[in-house]
Structure formats: C-alpha cells, structure tokens
Amino acid sequence: MAHILIVDDDEIVAELAANILIEAGHACGWVTDGDKVLQLLKWRRPDLLLLDQDMPGMSGRQVLREVRQSARNYDLPVIMFTAIQGAEDEAAAMYGGAQAYVRKPFDRRFLLHTVKLVLHSREGRPAHRELREVMEYNSGRGREDGFVTRAV
C-alpha cells in the first residue's frame, strides 16, 4: 500500500482516480491547486504524487519544479496527469523530473499499471534522505553514521 496524493483542479477526475487507487489498496487524498500541495508537502510526504499538468494559478510544471528544488521532496516520485495531448508536453514533463505521464481521460488499468511501475522502480532504493544529509555525506562529514548512497 502506498500513500498517493492527487493534485487536480477537476474534483470529479481527482475523486475518480482516488477511488480506483483506493480499490487497489492504496491510501489516497487530493487537493485542487498547486499552492495547497506545496503547503501539504511541508507537513507530510506521500509515496507518490499524481500531478495535473494544466491547472489555474500554479501549473503542474511549476509545482514539479518546486518539488525538485525542495531539500525534503527532491526525490518524490511524480506522475504527470493531464489532458494535454502533445508529445512536446510529455517530453517537457519528463525532462522536468516526472517519472511517468498519464493522459486524461485515463484507462483504469493503465493508471494502475503506471502507478505500480513507478512504485516498483523505487523498491530496493535506500531510504529517503533530506538533501542536506546527502550533501554532508558526499562532502565526507557524514560517513561515520553508516549512511550509504549508491548511484542508480
């Protein structure tokens, strides 16, 4: 079971995705805009972020940029979730740091498969460390604590 946070300005789509993921055994919640998700991420880190690319106010791309620049959430798995259909938009999302891209309207099986693939790709990795800890280790100050990193 994973804790998945859905960010979508369309509450019907967010609820539909959440219901599908809950039926598959995941814990889900959703917020409707980018500012809210950034506030929520300060309080709790989910296992996966399902992020709408095109939202009013702060776009999904802007949220993704903020997440990747965050010392706490830089390695948070993100699936972009959008009705935008262009290959350029998909490439931009992947270049921006998303692990996958699901187009709306989405197929239930494809959504579940993509979530499973992204979560599975994280298995076996070292536990999440804040960026500060990684930087201390890499500079030679944190080695006595037994913290081990590996390149993937």
C-alpha atoms as a PDB file:
ATOM      1  CA  MET A   1       0.000   0.000   0.000  1.00  0.00           C
ATOM      2  CA  ALA A   2       1.260   3.442  -0.941  1.00  0.00           C
ATOM      3  CA  HIS A   3       0.169   6.892   0.176  1.00  0.00           C
ATOM      4  CA  ILE A   4      -0.702   8.756  -3.009  1.00  0.00           C
ATOM      5  CA  LEU A   5      -1.525  12.441  -3.242  1.00  0.00           C
ATOM      6  CA  ILE A   6      -3.538  13.579  -6.274  1.00  0.00           C
ATOM      7  CA  VAL A   7      -3.362  17.199  -7.405  1.00  0.00           C
ATOM      8  CA  ASP A   8      -6.088  18.119  -9.901  1.00  0.00           C
ATOM      9  CA  ASP A   9      -8.319  21.172 -10.224  1.00  0.00           C
ATOM     10  CA  ASP A  10     -11.126  18.917 -11.520  1.00  0.00           C
ATOM     11  CA  GLU A  11     -12.537  17.311  -8.373  1.00  0.00           C
ATOM     12  CA  ILE A  12     -14.509  14.724 -10.355  1.00  0.00           C
ATOM     13  CA  VAL A  13     -11.353  13.439 -12.040  1.00  0.00           C
ATOM     14  CA  ALA A  14      -9.441  13.511  -8.741  1.00  0.00           C
ATOM     15  CA  GLU A  15     -12.180  11.569  -6.963  1.00  0.00           C
ATOM     16  CA  LEU A  16     -12.407   9.013  -9.780  1.00  0.00           C
ATOM     17  CA  ALA A  17      -8.630   8.434  -9.713  1.00  0.00           C
ATOM     18  CA  ALA A  18      -8.649   8.250  -5.911  1.00  0.00           C
ATOM     19  CA  ASN A  19     -11.448   5.669  -5.918  1.00  0.00           C
ATOM     20  CA  ILE A  20      -9.584   3.500  -8.424  1.00  0.00           C
ATOM     21  CA  LEU A  21      -6.380   3.685  -6.380  1.00  0.00           C
ATOM     22  CA  ILE A  22      -8.188   3.057  -3.083  1.00  0.00           C
ATOM     23  CA  GLU A  23      -9.877  -0.043  -4.567  1.00  0.00           C
ATOM     24  CA  ALA A  24      -6.377  -1.238  -5.495  1.00  0.00           C
ATOM     25  CA  GLY A  25      -5.307  -0.923  -1.853  1.00  0.00           C
ATOM     26  CA  HIS A  26      -3.633   2.487  -1.763  1.00  0.00           C
ATOM     27  CA  ALA A  27      -4.358   5.372   0.587  1.00  0.00           C
ATOM     28  CA  CYS A  28      -5.289   8.498  -1.385  1.00  0.00           C
ATOM     29  CA  GLY A  29      -6.206  12.088  -0.906  1.00  0.00           C
ATOM     30  CA  TRP A  30      -6.394  15.054  -3.211  1.00  0.00           C
ATOM     31  CA  VAL A  31      -6.008  18.794  -3.354  1.00  0.00           C
ATOM     32  CA  THR A  32      -7.191  21.126  -6.080  1.00  0.00           C
ATOM     33  CA  ASP A  33      -4.299  23.531  -6.648  1.00  0.00           C
ATOM     34  CA  GLY A  34      -0.539  23.844  -6.644  1.00  0.00           C
ATOM     35  CA  ASP A  35      -0.243  26.162  -3.657  1.00  0.00           C
ATOM     36  CA  LYS A  36      -2.190  23.721  -1.480  1.00  0.00           C
ATOM     37  CA  VAL A  37       0.001  20.773  -2.433  1.00  0.00           C
ATOM     38  CA  LEU A  38       3.179  22.682  -1.631  1.00  0.00           C
ATOM     39  CA  GLN A  39       1.779  23.546   1.802  1.00  0.00           C
ATOM     40  CA  LEU A  40       0.724  19.933   2.366  1.00  0.00           C
ATOM     41  CA  LEU A  41       4.156  18.615   1.342  1.00  0.00           C
ATOM     42  CA  LYS A  42       5.682  20.643   4.171  1.00  0.00           C
ATOM     43  CA  TRP A  43       3.550  18.661   6.588  1.00  0.00           C
ATOM     44  CA  ARG A  44       3.598  15.145   5.103  1.00  0.00           C
ATOM     45  CA  ARG A  45       5.487  13.396   2.321  1.00  0.00           C
ATOM     46  CA  PRO A  46       3.431  10.915   0.253  1.00  0.00           C
ATOM     47  CA  ASP A  47       4.918   7.919  -1.552  1.00  0.00           C
ATOM     48  CA  LEU A  48       3.753   9.250  -4.917  1.00  0.00           C
ATOM     49  CA  LEU A  49       2.365  12.465  -6.363  1.00  0.00           C
ATOM     50  CA  LEU A  50      -0.173  12.280  -9.214  1.00  0.00           C
ATOM     51  CA  LEU A  51       0.031  15.809 -10.603  1.00  0.00           C
ATOM     52  CA  ASP A  52      -2.217  17.555 -13.130  1.00  0.00           C
ATOM     53  CA  GLN A  53      -0.066  19.491 -15.565  1.00  0.00           C
ATOM     54  CA  ASP A  54      -2.563  22.189 -16.517  1.00  0.00           C
ATOM     55  CA  MET A  55      -4.152  23.944 -13.530  1.00  0.00           C
ATOM     56  CA  PRO A  56      -5.159  27.570 -12.994  1.00  0.00           C
ATOM     57  CA  GLY A  57      -2.777  29.531 -10.818  1.00  0.00           C
ATOM     58  CA  MET A  58       0.322  27.455 -10.201  1.00  0.00           C
ATOM     59  CA  SER A  59       0.655  24.900 -13.004  1.00  0.00           C
ATOM     60  CA  GLY A  60       1.746  21.308 -12.519  1.00  0.00           C
ATOM     61  CA  ARG A  61       5.062  22.121 -14.167  1.00  0.00           C
ATOM     62  CA  GLN A  62       5.674  24.870 -11.627  1.00  0.00           C
ATOM     63  CA  VAL A  63       4.761  22.514  -8.784  1.00  0.00           C
ATOM     64  CA  LEU A  64       7.117  19.876 -10.199  1.00  0.00           C
ATOM     65  CA  ARG A  65       9.903  22.456 -10.380  1.00  0.00           C
ATOM     66  CA  GLU A  66       9.317  23.441  -6.738  1.00  0.00           C
ATOM     67  CA  VAL A  67       9.257  19.784  -5.654  1.00  0.00           C
ATOM     68  CA  ARG A  68      12.537  19.048  -7.447  1.00  0.00           C
ATOM     69  CA  GLN A  69      14.166  22.092  -5.817  1.00  0.00           C
ATOM     70  CA  SER A  70      12.959  21.119  -2.344  1.00  0.00           C
ATOM     71  CA  ALA A  71      15.517  19.661   0.054  1.00  0.00           C
ATOM     72  CA  ARG A  72      12.788  17.455   1.525  1.00  0.00           C
ATOM     73  CA  ASN A  73      10.983  16.275  -1.626  1.00  0.00           C
ATOM     74  CA  TYR A  74      13.622  16.374  -4.374  1.00  0.00           C
ATOM     75  CA  ASP A  75      13.271  12.619  -4.972  1.00  0.00           C
ATOM     76  CA  LEU A  76       9.493  12.322  -4.583  1.00  0.00           C
ATOM     77  CA  PRO A  77       8.083  10.153  -7.405  1.00  0.00           C
ATOM     78  CA  VAL A  78       5.749  12.171  -9.658  1.00  0.00           C
ATOM     79  CA  ILE A  79       3.366  11.040 -12.377  1.00  0.00           C
ATOM     80  CA  MET A  80       2.080  13.887 -14.522  1.00  0.00           C
ATOM     81  CA  PHE A  81      -1.648  13.526 -15.036  1.00  0.00           C
ATOM     82  CA  THR A  82      -3.089  15.653 -17.803  1.00  0.00           C
ATOM     83  CA  ALA A  83      -5.458  16.160 -20.698  1.00  0.00           C
ATOM     84  CA  ILE A  84      -2.712  17.862 -22.700  1.00  0.00           C
ATOM     85  CA  GLN A  85      -2.015  15.525 -25.600  1.00  0.00           C
ATOM     86  CA  GLY A  86       1.164  16.855 -27.214  1.00  0.00           C
ATOM     87  CA  ALA A  87       4.408  14.888 -27.353  1.00  0.00           C
ATOM     88  CA  GLU A  88       6.289  18.093 -26.542  1.00  0.00           C
ATOM     89  CA  ASP A  89       4.337  18.477 -23.299  1.00  0.00           C
ATOM     90  CA  GLU A  90       5.060  14.884 -22.342  1.00  0.00           C
ATOM     91  CA  ALA A  91       8.767  15.360 -23.078  1.00  0.00           C
ATOM     92  CA  ALA A  92       8.825  18.606 -21.064  1.00  0.00           C
ATOM     93  CA  ALA A  93       7.227  16.846 -18.085  1.00  0.00           C
ATOM     94  CA  MET A  94       9.754  14.029 -18.225  1.00  0.00           C
ATOM     95  CA  TYR A  95      12.622  16.484 -18.631  1.00  0.00           C
ATOM     96  CA  GLY A  96      11.266  18.417 -15.640  1.00  0.00           C
ATOM     97  CA  GLY A  97      11.602  15.345 -13.449  1.00  0.00           C
ATOM     98  CA  ALA A  98       8.370  13.353 -13.757  1.00  0.00           C
ATOM     99  CA  GLN A  99       8.758   9.570 -13.734  1.00  0.00           C
ATOM    100  CA  ALA A 100       5.721   8.932 -15.947  1.00  0.00           C
ATOM    101  CA  TYR A 101       2.881  10.590 -17.820  1.00  0.00           C
ATOM    102  CA  VAL A 102      -0.804   9.548 -17.805  1.00  0.00           C
ATOM    103  CA  ARG A 103      -3.173  11.207 -20.266  1.00  0.00           C
ATOM    104  CA  LYS A 104      -6.776  12.010 -19.415  1.00  0.00           C
ATOM    105  CA  PRO A 105      -9.261  10.591 -19.977  1.00  0.00           C
ATOM    106  CA  PHE A 106      -7.383   7.680 -18.471  1.00  0.00           C
ATOM    107  CA  ASP A 107      -7.935   3.973 -18.602  1.00  0.00           C
ATOM    108  CA  ARG A 108      -8.268   2.403 -15.151  1.00  0.00           C
ATOM    109  CA  ARG A 109      -5.835  -0.410 -15.962  1.00  0.00           C
ATOM    110  CA  PHE A 110      -3.263   1.966 -17.443  1.00  0.00           C
ATOM    111  CA  LEU A 111      -3.395   4.223 -14.382  1.00  0.00           C
ATOM    112  CA  LEU A 112      -2.914   1.262 -12.038  1.00  0.00           C
ATOM    113  CA  HIS A 113      -0.138  -0.163 -14.215  1.00  0.00           C
ATOM    114  CA  THR A 114       1.730   3.151 -14.329  1.00  0.00           C
ATOM    115  CA  VAL A 115       1.432   3.665 -10.575  1.00  0.00           C
ATOM    116  CA  LYS A 116       2.658   0.111  -9.999  1.00  0.00           C
ATOM    117  CA  LEU A 117       5.652   0.621 -12.303  1.00  0.00           C
ATOM    118  CA  VAL A 118       6.697   3.884 -10.660  1.00  0.00           C
ATOM    119  CA  LEU A 119       6.315   2.490  -7.147  1.00  0.00           C
ATOM    120  CA  HIS A 120       8.121  -0.720  -8.105  1.00  0.00           C
ATOM    121  CA  SER A 121      11.028   1.255  -9.561  1.00  0.00           C
ATOM    122  CA  ARG A 122      11.536   2.805  -6.091  1.00  0.00           C
ATOM    123  CA  GLU A 123      11.763  -0.555  -4.295  1.00  0.00           C
ATOM    124  CA  GLY A 124      15.212  -1.513  -3.114  1.00  0.00           C
ATOM    125  CA  ARG A 125      16.479   2.058  -3.111  1.00  0.00           C
ATOM    126  CA  PRO A 126      17.978   3.477   0.043  1.00  0.00           C
ATOM    127  CA  ALA A 127      15.560   5.207   2.380  1.00  0.00           C
ATOM    128  CA  HIS A 128      14.773   8.818   1.553  1.00  0.00           C
ATOM    129  CA  ARG A 129      17.276  11.269   2.961  1.00  0.00           C
ATOM    130  CA  GLU A 130      16.950  15.011   3.012  1.00  0.00           C
ATOM    131  CA  LEU A 131      19.245  16.708   0.551  1.00  0.00           C
ATOM    132  CA  ARG A 132      21.256  18.222   3.414  1.00  0.00           C
ATOM    133  CA  GLU A 133      22.126  14.715   4.660  1.00  0.00           C
ATOM    134  CA  VAL A 134      23.194  13.606   1.203  1.00  0.00           C
ATOM    135  CA  MET A 135      25.368  16.680   0.760  1.00  0.00           C
ATOM    136  CA  GLU A 136      27.009  16.167   4.169  1.00  0.00           C
ATOM    137  CA  TYR A 137      27.742  12.555   3.335  1.00  0.00           C
ATOM    138  CA  ASN A 138      29.144  13.402  -0.060  1.00  0.00           C
ATOM    139  CA  SER A 139      31.395  16.069   1.453  1.00  0.00           C
ATOM    140  CA  GLY A 140      32.837  13.483   3.866  1.00  0.00           C
ATOM    141  CA  ARG A 141      31.239  14.749   7.088  1.00  0.00           C
ATOM    142  CA  GLY A 142      28.523  12.096   7.426  1.00  0.00           C
ATOM    143  CA  ARG A 143      30.388   8.854   6.830  1.00  0.00           C
ATOM    144  CA  GLU A 144      30.616   7.795  10.464  1.00  0.00           C
ATOM    145  CA  ASP A 145      26.837   7.396  10.682  1.00  0.00           C
ATOM    146  CA  GLY A 146      26.801   4.396   8.356  1.00  0.00           C
ATOM    147  CA  PHE A 147      24.784   6.242   5.693  1.00  0.00           C
ATOM    148  CA  VAL A 148      25.405   4.635   2.320  1.00  0.00           C
ATOM    149  CA  THR A 149      24.444   6.037  -1.043  1.00  0.00           C
ATOM    150  CA  ARG A 150      24.563   4.349  -4.378  1.00  0.00           C
ATOM    151  CA  ALA A 151      24.248   5.668  -7.884  1.00  0.00           C
ATOM    152  CA  VAL A 152      21.288   4.399  -9.838  1.00  0.00           C
END
